[in-house]
Amino acid sequence: MSRKRRSRPVPAPAPALAPESVSASAPESALTPDVASMVGLITAGAVDAHLPLLTRTIQQRHRQVREKDAQRAMAAVLLGARVRINRTAVPQYLRGTTGTVTGFTGRKVEILLDRSHGRCGSCLVRVGPLSVDVLDPG
């Protein structure tokens, strides 16, 4: 592969939004006054010295919420259920395929696909619970 193909363009920084435009673009119920003022402080650069701490805290909370969602999704998938692999699955060639849940491995759902697809020779794949839509509980 050529060097030119491997390099990725650096994205341009997003334009700064005025606090009024941030709160005006979101639904009123989504932004409480506290959240709107916090977004305004961040946008205005008033908390730049604390951005690393804020970033770590937000990332940690985001991981906790995703883990909770994954646990909830795992509990909803039963052995023998008919499922479809949704658009969040990786690799992409699995998206839209259907199959039957045959087991669980750690934090993954084992699915026996209805037909061989892509690189899947054995038709048994493991995907995260958030990448599975239950069609028939079984």
N, C-alpha and C. Protein backbone atom coordinates (compact mmCIF):
# COMPACT_ATOMS: atom_id res chain seq x y z
N MET A 1 0.85 -1.17 0.00
CA MET A 1 0.00 0.00 0.00
C MET A 1 0.89 1.23 0.00
N SER A 2 0.53 2.20 -0.79
CA SER A 2 1.36 3.39 -0.90
C SER A 2 1.24 4.26 0.34
N ARG A 3 2.25 5.06 0.55
CA ARG A 3 2.26 5.96 1.69
C ARG A 3 1.12 6.97 1.59
N LYS A 4 0.87 7.43 0.38
CA LYS A 4 -0.18 8.41 0.17
C LYS A 4 -1.54 7.86 0.60
N ARG A 5 -1.77 6.59 0.33
CA ARG A 5 -3.03 5.97 0.67
C ARG A 5 -3.17 5.75 2.18
N ARG A 6 -2.05 5.51 2.88
CA ARG A 6 -2.09 5.27 4.31
C ARG A 6 -2.34 6.53 5.13
N SER A 7 -1.90 7.66 4.63
CA SER A 7 -2.05 8.88 5.41
C SER A 7 -3.50 9.33 5.40
N ARG A 8 -3.95 9.83 6.50
CA ARG A 8 -5.31 10.30 6.63
C ARG A 8 -5.30 11.81 6.80
N PRO A 9 -6.24 12.48 6.16
CA PRO A 9 -6.28 13.93 6.32
C PRO A 9 -6.66 14.31 7.74
N VAL A 10 -6.08 15.37 8.22
CA VAL A 10 -6.38 15.87 9.54
C VAL A 10 -7.67 16.68 9.45
N PRO A 11 -8.69 16.32 10.25
CA PRO A 11 -9.95 17.06 10.16
C PRO A 11 -9.79 18.48 10.66
N ALA A 12 -10.50 19.37 10.03
CA ALA A 12 -10.47 20.77 10.45
C ALA A 12 -11.23 20.90 11.77
N PRO A 13 -10.76 21.76 12.67
CA PRO A 13 -11.47 21.92 13.94
C PRO A 13 -12.88 22.45 13.70
N ALA A 14 -13.81 21.99 14.51
CA ALA A 14 -15.19 22.44 14.39
C ALA A 14 -15.29 23.90 14.80
N PRO A 15 -16.12 24.64 14.10
CA PRO A 15 -16.26 26.05 14.48
C PRO A 15 -16.90 26.16 15.85
N ALA A 16 -16.45 27.15 16.61
CA ALA A 16 -16.99 27.37 17.94
C ALA A 16 -18.41 27.89 17.83
N LEU A 17 -19.28 27.36 18.67
CA LEU A 17 -20.66 27.78 18.67
C LEU A 17 -20.92 28.73 19.83
N ALA A 18 -21.72 29.70 19.58
CA ALA A 18 -22.12 30.60 20.66
C ALA A 18 -23.07 29.85 21.57
N PRO A 19 -23.04 30.12 22.88
CA PRO A 19 -23.93 29.41 23.80
C PRO A 19 -25.39 29.52 23.40
N GLU A 20 -25.79 30.65 22.82
CA GLU A 20 -27.19 30.81 22.44
C GLU A 20 -27.54 29.85 21.32
N SER A 21 -26.61 29.65 20.35
CA SER A 21 -26.92 28.77 19.23
C SER A 21 -26.96 27.31 19.66
N VAL A 22 -26.16 26.94 20.67
CA VAL A 22 -26.17 25.57 21.17
C VAL A 22 -27.50 25.28 21.83
N SER A 23 -27.95 26.15 22.71
CA SER A 23 -29.19 25.90 23.41
C SER A 23 -30.39 26.05 22.48
N ALA A 24 -30.28 26.89 21.45
CA ALA A 24 -31.40 27.08 20.54
C ALA A 24 -31.54 25.90 19.59
N SER A 25 -30.43 25.21 19.27
CA SER A 25 -30.51 24.11 18.32
C SER A 25 -31.03 22.82 18.95
N ALA A 26 -30.92 22.67 20.25
CA ALA A 26 -31.39 21.47 20.93
C ALA A 26 -32.80 21.69 21.45
N PRO A 27 -33.56 20.60 21.60
CA PRO A 27 -34.89 20.76 22.17
C PRO A 27 -34.80 21.33 23.59
N GLU A 28 -35.79 22.11 23.95
CA GLU A 28 -35.77 22.75 25.27
C GLU A 28 -35.72 21.73 26.40
N SER A 29 -36.38 20.59 26.23
CA SER A 29 -36.40 19.59 27.29
C SER A 29 -35.05 18.89 27.44
N ALA A 30 -34.21 18.91 26.38
CA ALA A 30 -32.93 18.21 26.43
C ALA A 30 -31.89 18.99 27.23
N LEU A 31 -31.93 20.32 27.17
CA LEU A 31 -30.94 21.12 27.86
C LEU A 31 -31.58 21.85 29.04
N THR A 32 -31.19 21.42 30.22
CA THR A 32 -31.63 22.15 31.41
C THR A 32 -30.78 23.40 31.52
N PRO A 33 -31.19 24.35 32.35
CA PRO A 33 -30.36 25.56 32.50
C PRO A 33 -28.93 25.25 32.95
N ASP A 34 -28.76 24.23 33.80
CA ASP A 34 -27.41 23.87 34.25
C ASP A 34 -26.55 23.37 33.09
N VAL A 35 -27.13 22.52 32.25
CA VAL A 35 -26.39 21.97 31.12
C VAL A 35 -26.09 23.08 30.11
N ALA A 36 -27.06 23.93 29.86
CA ALA A 36 -26.86 25.04 28.92
C ALA A 36 -25.75 25.97 29.39
N SER A 37 -25.70 26.24 30.69
CA SER A 37 -24.64 27.12 31.20
C SER A 37 -23.27 26.43 31.13
N MET A 38 -23.25 25.10 31.37
CA MET A 38 -22.00 24.36 31.29
C MET A 38 -21.49 24.35 29.84
N VAL A 39 -22.39 24.12 28.89
CA VAL A 39 -22.01 24.16 27.48
C VAL A 39 -21.52 25.55 27.11
N GLY A 40 -22.17 26.56 27.62
CA GLY A 40 -21.73 27.93 27.35
C GLY A 40 -20.34 28.21 27.89
N LEU A 41 -20.04 27.73 29.10
CA LEU A 41 -18.71 27.92 29.68
C LEU A 41 -17.64 27.21 28.86
N ILE A 42 -17.95 25.98 28.42
CA ILE A 42 -16.98 25.23 27.61
C ILE A 42 -16.76 25.92 26.28
N THR A 43 -17.83 26.36 25.64
CA THR A 43 -17.74 27.02 24.34
C THR A 43 -16.97 28.33 24.44
N ALA A 44 -17.17 29.05 25.52
CA ALA A 44 -16.52 30.35 25.69
C ALA A 44 -15.04 30.20 26.08
N GLY A 45 -14.62 28.98 26.46
CA GLY A 45 -13.23 28.77 26.84
C GLY A 45 -12.94 29.08 28.29
N ALA A 46 -13.98 29.23 29.10
CA ALA A 46 -13.79 29.59 30.50
C ALA A 46 -13.21 28.44 31.33
N VAL A 47 -13.33 27.20 30.83
CA VAL A 47 -12.84 26.05 31.61
C VAL A 47 -11.73 25.30 30.87
N ASP A 48 -11.01 26.00 30.01
CA ASP A 48 -9.96 25.36 29.22
C ASP A 48 -8.91 24.65 30.07
N ALA A 49 -8.60 25.17 31.22
CA ALA A 49 -7.60 24.55 32.09
C ALA A 49 -8.09 23.20 32.63
N HIS A 50 -9.39 23.00 32.64
CA HIS A 50 -9.97 21.77 33.20
C HIS A 50 -10.46 20.80 32.12
N LEU A 51 -10.20 21.09 30.85
CA LEU A 51 -10.69 20.23 29.77
C LEU A 51 -10.20 18.79 29.87
N PRO A 52 -8.92 18.52 30.21
CA PRO A 52 -8.51 17.12 30.34
C PRO A 52 -9.32 16.36 31.39
N LEU A 53 -9.57 16.98 32.53
CA LEU A 53 -10.38 16.34 33.57
C LEU A 53 -11.81 16.12 33.09
N LEU A 54 -12.39 17.13 32.46
CA LEU A 54 -13.75 17.00 31.94
C LEU A 54 -13.83 15.89 30.89
N THR A 55 -12.83 15.83 30.03
CA THR A 55 -12.81 14.81 28.98
C THR A 55 -12.75 13.42 29.58
N ARG A 56 -11.85 13.20 30.53
CA ARG A 56 -11.74 11.88 31.18
C ARG A 56 -13.03 11.51 31.90
N THR A 57 -13.63 12.47 32.58
CA THR A 57 -14.85 12.21 33.33
C THR A 57 -16.00 11.85 32.38
N ILE A 58 -16.13 12.58 31.30
CA ILE A 58 -17.20 12.30 30.33
C ILE A 58 -16.97 10.95 29.67
N GLN A 59 -15.73 10.64 29.31
CA GLN A 59 -15.44 9.34 28.69
C GLN A 59 -15.74 8.20 29.65
N GLN A 60 -15.38 8.36 30.93
CA GLN A 60 -15.65 7.32 31.91
C GLN A 60 -17.15 7.11 32.08
N ARG A 61 -17.90 8.18 32.16
CA ARG A 61 -19.35 8.08 32.30
C ARG A 61 -19.97 7.45 31.05
N HIS A 62 -19.46 7.82 29.89
CA HIS A 62 -19.96 7.24 28.65
C HIS A 62 -19.73 5.73 28.63
N ARG A 63 -18.55 5.28 29.08
CA ARG A 63 -18.27 3.84 29.15
C ARG A 63 -19.23 3.15 30.11
N GLN A 64 -19.53 3.78 31.25
CA GLN A 64 -20.45 3.18 32.22
C GLN A 64 -21.85 3.04 31.63
N VAL A 65 -22.30 4.05 30.92
CA VAL A 65 -23.64 4.00 30.31
C VAL A 65 -23.68 2.92 29.23
N ARG A 66 -22.62 2.83 28.40
CA ARG A 66 -22.58 1.80 27.36
C ARG A 66 -22.56 0.40 27.97
N GLU A 67 -21.82 0.23 29.06
CA GLU A 67 -21.76 -1.08 29.73
C GLU A 67 -23.14 -1.46 30.29
N LYS A 68 -23.82 -0.50 30.86
CA LYS A 68 -25.17 -0.74 31.39
C LYS A 68 -26.12 -1.12 30.25
N ASP A 69 -26.03 -0.41 29.12
CA ASP A 69 -26.85 -0.73 27.95
C ASP A 69 -26.54 -2.13 27.42
N ALA A 70 -25.25 -2.50 27.41
CA ALA A 70 -24.85 -3.82 26.93
C ALA A 70 -25.38 -4.91 27.84
N GLN A 71 -25.33 -4.68 29.14
CA GLN A 71 -25.86 -5.67 30.09
C GLN A 71 -27.36 -5.84 29.91
N ARG A 72 -28.06 -4.74 29.71
CA ARG A 72 -29.51 -4.78 29.50
C ARG A 72 -29.83 -5.53 28.20
N ALA A 73 -29.05 -5.26 27.14
CA ALA A 73 -29.26 -5.94 25.87
C ALA A 73 -28.95 -7.43 25.97
N MET A 74 -27.90 -7.78 26.72
CA MET A 74 -27.53 -9.18 26.90
C MET A 74 -28.63 -9.94 27.63
N ALA A 75 -29.26 -9.29 28.60
CA ALA A 75 -30.34 -9.94 29.34
C ALA A 75 -31.57 -10.15 28.47
N ALA A 76 -31.74 -9.35 27.42
CA ALA A 76 -32.91 -9.46 26.55
C ALA A 76 -32.75 -10.56 25.50
N VAL A 77 -31.52 -11.02 25.27
CA VAL A 77 -31.26 -12.05 24.27
C VAL A 77 -31.26 -13.41 24.96
N LEU A 78 -32.14 -14.29 24.50
CA LEU A 78 -32.26 -15.62 25.09
C LEU A 78 -31.69 -16.67 24.16
N LEU A 79 -31.28 -17.79 24.74
CA LEU A 79 -30.77 -18.91 23.97
C LEU A 79 -31.87 -19.40 23.04
N GLY A 80 -31.55 -19.59 21.78
CA GLY A 80 -32.52 -20.06 20.79
C GLY A 80 -33.30 -18.95 20.11
N ALA A 81 -33.06 -17.70 20.48
CA ALA A 81 -33.78 -16.57 19.88
C ALA A 81 -33.34 -16.35 18.44
N ARG A 82 -34.27 -15.96 17.59
CA ARG A 82 -33.96 -15.56 16.22
C ARG A 82 -33.55 -14.09 16.26
N VAL A 83 -32.42 -13.77 15.66
CA VAL A 83 -31.89 -12.41 15.72
C VAL A 83 -31.41 -11.94 14.35
N ARG A 84 -31.30 -10.62 14.23
CA ARG A 84 -30.69 -10.00 13.05
C ARG A 84 -29.52 -9.16 13.57
N ILE A 85 -28.40 -9.24 12.88
CA ILE A 85 -27.25 -8.43 13.25
C ILE A 85 -27.48 -7.04 12.67
N ASN A 86 -27.43 -6.02 13.52
CA ASN A 86 -27.79 -4.67 13.10
C ASN A 86 -26.61 -3.89 12.52
N ARG A 87 -26.85 -2.61 12.24
CA ARG A 87 -25.88 -1.78 11.52
C ARG A 87 -24.67 -1.37 12.36
N THR A 88 -24.64 -1.70 13.64
CA THR A 88 -23.49 -1.34 14.47
C THR A 88 -22.44 -2.43 14.50
N ALA A 89 -22.73 -3.57 13.89
CA ALA A 89 -21.81 -4.71 13.95
C ALA A 89 -20.56 -4.46 13.12
N VAL A 90 -19.47 -5.02 13.62
CA VAL A 90 -18.20 -5.01 12.90
C VAL A 90 -17.76 -6.45 12.85
N PRO A 91 -17.43 -6.99 11.72
CA PRO A 91 -17.23 -6.39 10.41
C PRO A 91 -18.56 -6.10 9.71
N GLN A 92 -18.49 -5.17 8.78
CA GLN A 92 -19.69 -4.68 8.13
C GLN A 92 -20.43 -5.73 7.31
N TYR A 93 -19.73 -6.72 6.80
CA TYR A 93 -20.40 -7.71 5.96
C TYR A 93 -21.41 -8.55 6.74
N LEU A 94 -21.37 -8.51 8.07
CA LEU A 94 -22.34 -9.25 8.88
C LEU A 94 -23.66 -8.50 9.03
N ARG A 95 -23.65 -7.21 8.76
CA ARG A 95 -24.84 -6.39 8.97
C ARG A 95 -26.01 -6.89 8.14
N GLY A 96 -27.15 -7.07 8.81
CA GLY A 96 -28.37 -7.51 8.14
C GLY A 96 -28.55 -9.01 8.09
N THR A 97 -27.54 -9.79 8.47
CA THR A 97 -27.69 -11.24 8.43
C THR A 97 -28.52 -11.71 9.62
N THR A 98 -29.17 -12.84 9.44
CA THR A 98 -30.03 -13.40 10.49
C THR A 98 -29.47 -14.73 10.93
N GLY A 99 -29.90 -15.13 12.13
CA GLY A 99 -29.45 -16.40 12.66
C GLY A 99 -30.12 -16.71 13.98
N THR A 100 -29.60 -17.73 14.65
CA THR A 100 -30.15 -18.20 15.92
C THR A 100 -29.07 -18.15 16.98
N VAL A 101 -29.42 -17.66 18.16
CA VAL A 101 -28.48 -17.57 19.27
C VAL A 101 -28.21 -18.99 19.78
N THR A 102 -26.92 -19.36 19.80
CA THR A 102 -26.54 -20.70 20.26
C THR A 102 -25.81 -20.68 21.59
N GLY A 103 -25.39 -19.51 22.04
CA GLY A 103 -24.68 -19.44 23.31
C GLY A 103 -24.12 -18.06 23.57
N PHE A 104 -23.38 -17.98 24.66
CA PHE A 104 -22.77 -16.72 25.08
C PHE A 104 -21.33 -16.99 25.47
N THR A 105 -20.44 -16.11 25.03
CA THR A 105 -19.03 -16.23 25.36
C THR A 105 -18.59 -14.90 25.98
N GLY A 106 -18.40 -14.88 27.26
CA GLY A 106 -18.02 -13.64 27.92
C GLY A 106 -19.08 -12.58 27.71
N ARG A 107 -18.70 -11.52 27.03
CA ARG A 107 -19.63 -10.42 26.75
C ARG A 107 -20.15 -10.46 25.32
N LYS A 108 -20.01 -11.57 24.65
CA LYS A 108 -20.43 -11.72 23.25
C LYS A 108 -21.58 -12.72 23.15
N VAL A 109 -22.37 -12.53 22.09
CA VAL A 109 -23.46 -13.43 21.77
C VAL A 109 -23.01 -14.29 20.59
N GLU A 110 -23.13 -15.63 20.73
CA GLU A 110 -22.77 -16.53 19.64
C GLU A 110 -24.01 -16.77 18.79
N ILE A 111 -23.86 -16.56 17.49
CA ILE A 111 -24.99 -16.69 16.57
C ILE A 111 -24.62 -17.65 15.45
N LEU A 112 -25.50 -18.63 15.21
CA LEU A 112 -25.35 -19.52 14.08
C LEU A 112 -26.14 -18.89 12.94
N LEU A 113 -25.43 -18.41 11.92
CA LEU A 113 -26.07 -17.72 10.81
C LEU A 113 -26.88 -18.68 9.96
N ASP A 114 -27.94 -18.16 9.34
CA ASP A 114 -28.80 -18.98 8.49
C ASP A 114 -28.05 -19.46 7.25
N ARG A 115 -27.16 -18.63 6.73
CA ARG A 115 -26.38 -19.02 5.55
C ARG A 115 -24.99 -18.43 5.68
N SER A 116 -24.04 -19.07 4.99
CA SER A 116 -22.67 -18.58 5.00
C SER A 116 -22.64 -17.20 4.38
N HIS A 117 -21.87 -16.31 5.00
CA HIS A 117 -21.86 -14.93 4.53
C HIS A 117 -20.46 -14.35 4.67
N GLY A 118 -19.97 -13.72 3.62
CA GLY A 118 -18.66 -13.07 3.69
C GLY A 118 -17.55 -14.06 3.98
N ARG A 119 -16.75 -13.75 4.93
CA ARG A 119 -15.61 -14.59 5.29
C ARG A 119 -15.98 -15.69 6.28
N CYS A 120 -17.22 -15.72 6.67
CA CYS A 120 -17.66 -16.67 7.67
C CYS A 120 -17.79 -18.06 7.06
N GLY A 121 -16.84 -18.92 7.35
CA GLY A 121 -16.90 -20.27 6.83
C GLY A 121 -17.74 -21.19 7.68
N SER A 122 -17.66 -21.06 8.99
CA SER A 122 -18.39 -21.96 9.89
C SER A 122 -19.80 -21.45 10.18
N CYS A 123 -20.09 -20.21 9.82
CA CYS A 123 -21.39 -19.58 10.05
C CYS A 123 -21.68 -19.37 11.53
N LEU A 124 -20.71 -19.52 12.39
CA LEU A 124 -20.88 -19.22 13.81
C LEU A 124 -20.09 -17.96 14.10
N VAL A 125 -20.76 -16.90 14.49
CA VAL A 125 -20.10 -15.62 14.74
C VAL A 125 -20.38 -15.17 16.16
N ARG A 126 -19.52 -14.31 16.66
CA ARG A 126 -19.69 -13.72 17.99
C ARG A 126 -19.72 -12.20 17.84
N VAL A 127 -20.78 -11.59 18.34
CA VAL A 127 -20.93 -10.14 18.28
C VAL A 127 -21.38 -9.63 19.63
N GLY A 128 -21.19 -8.35 19.85
CA GLY A 128 -21.64 -7.72 21.09
C GLY A 128 -23.16 -7.67 21.15
N PRO A 129 -23.72 -7.64 22.34
CA PRO A 129 -25.18 -7.65 22.48
C PRO A 129 -25.87 -6.42 21.91
N LEU A 130 -25.16 -5.30 21.81
CA LEU A 130 -25.76 -4.09 21.24
C LEU A 130 -25.84 -4.17 19.72
N SER A 131 -25.20 -5.17 19.11
CA SER A 131 -25.23 -5.35 17.67
C SER A 131 -26.27 -6.36 17.24
N VAL A 132 -27.17 -6.72 18.15
CA VAL A 132 -28.16 -7.77 17.87
C VAL A 132 -29.57 -7.20 18.09
N ASP A 133 -30.44 -7.43 17.09
CA ASP A 133 -31.86 -7.10 17.22
C ASP A 133 -32.62 -8.41 17.30
N VAL A 134 -33.42 -8.59 18.35
CA VAL A 134 -34.18 -9.82 18.52
C VAL A 134 -35.40 -9.78 17.61
N LEU A 135 -35.53 -10.80 16.75
CA LEU A 135 -36.68 -10.93 15.86
C LEU A 135 -37.78 -11.76 16.50
N ASP A 136 -37.38 -12.90 17.08
CA ASP A 136 -38.31 -13.83 17.72
C ASP A 136 -37.64 -14.34 18.99
N PRO A 137 -38.24 -14.12 20.17
CA PRO A 137 -37.59 -14.50 21.41
C PRO A 137 -37.28 -15.98 21.52
N GLY A 138 -37.91 -16.80 20.73
CA GLY A 138 -37.61 -18.23 20.75
C GLY A 138 -38.35 -18.90 21.77
